[in-house]
Protein backbone atom coordinates (compact mmCIF):
# COMPACT_ATOMS: atom_id res chain seq x y z
CA UNK A 1 11.96 66.42 106.64
CA UNK A 2 9.30 68.64 105.14
CA UNK A 3 7.33 71.33 106.92
CA UNK A 4 4.44 68.98 107.75
CA UNK A 5 6.51 66.43 109.63
CA UNK A 6 9.53 68.29 110.99
CA UNK A 7 11.77 67.07 113.78
CA UNK A 8 11.79 70.28 115.82
CA UNK A 9 8.16 70.17 117.01
CA UNK A 10 7.16 73.31 115.11
CA UNK A 11 5.57 71.51 112.18
CA UNK A 12 1.89 71.94 111.33
CA UNK A 13 0.84 68.59 112.76
CA UNK A 14 2.47 69.23 116.14
CA UNK A 15 1.01 72.72 116.36
CA UNK A 16 -2.43 71.43 115.43
CA UNK A 17 -2.29 68.71 118.07
CA UNK A 18 -1.16 71.17 120.75
CA UNK A 19 -4.02 73.52 119.83
CA UNK A 20 -6.55 70.68 119.90
CA UNK A 21 -5.26 69.56 123.32
CA UNK A 22 -5.50 73.08 124.71
CA UNK A 23 -9.06 73.52 123.42
CA UNK A 24 -10.08 70.13 124.79
CA UNK A 25 -8.64 70.87 128.24
CA UNK A 26 -10.29 74.29 128.31
CA UNK A 27 -13.71 72.87 127.42
CA UNK A 28 -13.28 69.92 129.79
CA UNK A 29 -12.39 72.24 132.69
CA UNK A 30 -15.37 74.48 131.90
CA UNK A 31 -17.76 71.52 131.94
CA UNK A 32 -16.33 70.21 135.23
CA UNK A 33 -16.76 73.65 136.80
CA UNK A 34 -20.38 73.88 135.61
CA UNK A 35 -21.14 70.41 136.99
CA UNK A 36 -19.59 71.24 140.38
CA UNK A 37 -21.45 74.57 140.51
CA UNK A 38 -24.74 72.83 139.70
CA UNK A 39 -24.17 70.13 142.33
CA UNK A 40 -23.23 72.62 145.06
CA UNK A 41 -26.06 75.01 144.14
CA UNK A 42 -28.55 72.32 145.18
CA UNK A 43 -27.02 72.15 148.64
CA UNK A 44 -26.22 75.84 149.03
CA UNK A 45 -27.98 78.85 150.41
CA UNK A 46 -28.08 82.46 149.29
CA UNK A 47 -27.88 83.74 152.84
CA UNK A 48 -25.60 86.75 153.17
CA UNK A 49 -23.97 88.15 156.27
CA UNK A 50 -24.10 91.88 155.70
CA UNK A 51 -22.17 93.27 158.63
CA UNK A 52 -19.93 96.27 158.98
CA UNK A 53 -16.81 94.39 160.03
CA UNK A 54 -15.02 97.58 161.11
CA UNK A 55 -17.81 98.53 163.51
CA UNK A 56 -18.14 95.03 164.97
CA UNK A 57 -15.05 93.96 166.83
CA UNK A 58 -15.51 90.31 165.97
CA UNK A 59 -12.94 88.02 164.47
CA UNK A 60 -14.08 86.77 161.04
CA UNK A 61 -12.04 83.59 161.36
CA UNK A 62 -13.77 82.79 164.65
CA UNK A 63 -17.16 83.30 162.98
CA UNK A 64 -16.27 80.87 160.18
CA UNK A 65 -14.99 78.32 162.70
CA UNK A 66 -18.27 78.61 164.61
CA UNK A 67 -20.33 78.14 161.44
CA UNK A 68 -18.27 75.11 160.44
CA UNK A 69 -18.55 73.60 163.94
CA UNK A 70 -22.35 73.87 163.87
CA UNK A 71 -22.52 71.60 160.84
CA UNK A 72 -19.66 69.08 160.96
CA UNK A 73 -21.04 67.17 157.95
CA UNK A 74 -20.70 70.15 155.63
CA UNK A 75 -18.48 69.44 152.65
CA UNK A 76 -18.19 72.90 151.11
CA UNK A 77 -18.02 76.48 152.37
CA UNK A 78 -17.76 79.37 149.95
CA UNK A 79 -16.35 82.57 151.30
CA UNK A 80 -16.66 85.59 149.09
CA UNK A 81 -16.00 89.28 149.48
CA UNK A 82 -17.90 91.63 147.23
CA UNK A 83 -17.50 95.37 147.60
């Protein structure tokens, strides 16, 4: 076989197809993430809980369970830690 259509999978055509697949998946994933972020941004809030967790002897897991119990129809909860 020649170098364009080799049997070992390292030919130009195989490499080109793998690269195209990788680029397609990357772009597809990026678009899905943007769509999900846009959909959840409509339902979300920018409310922050700015507490000093070391000073307050309160269990963070219990707080999240309480917040989730107050709204049983919620479909998404984002928990972030920014320092």
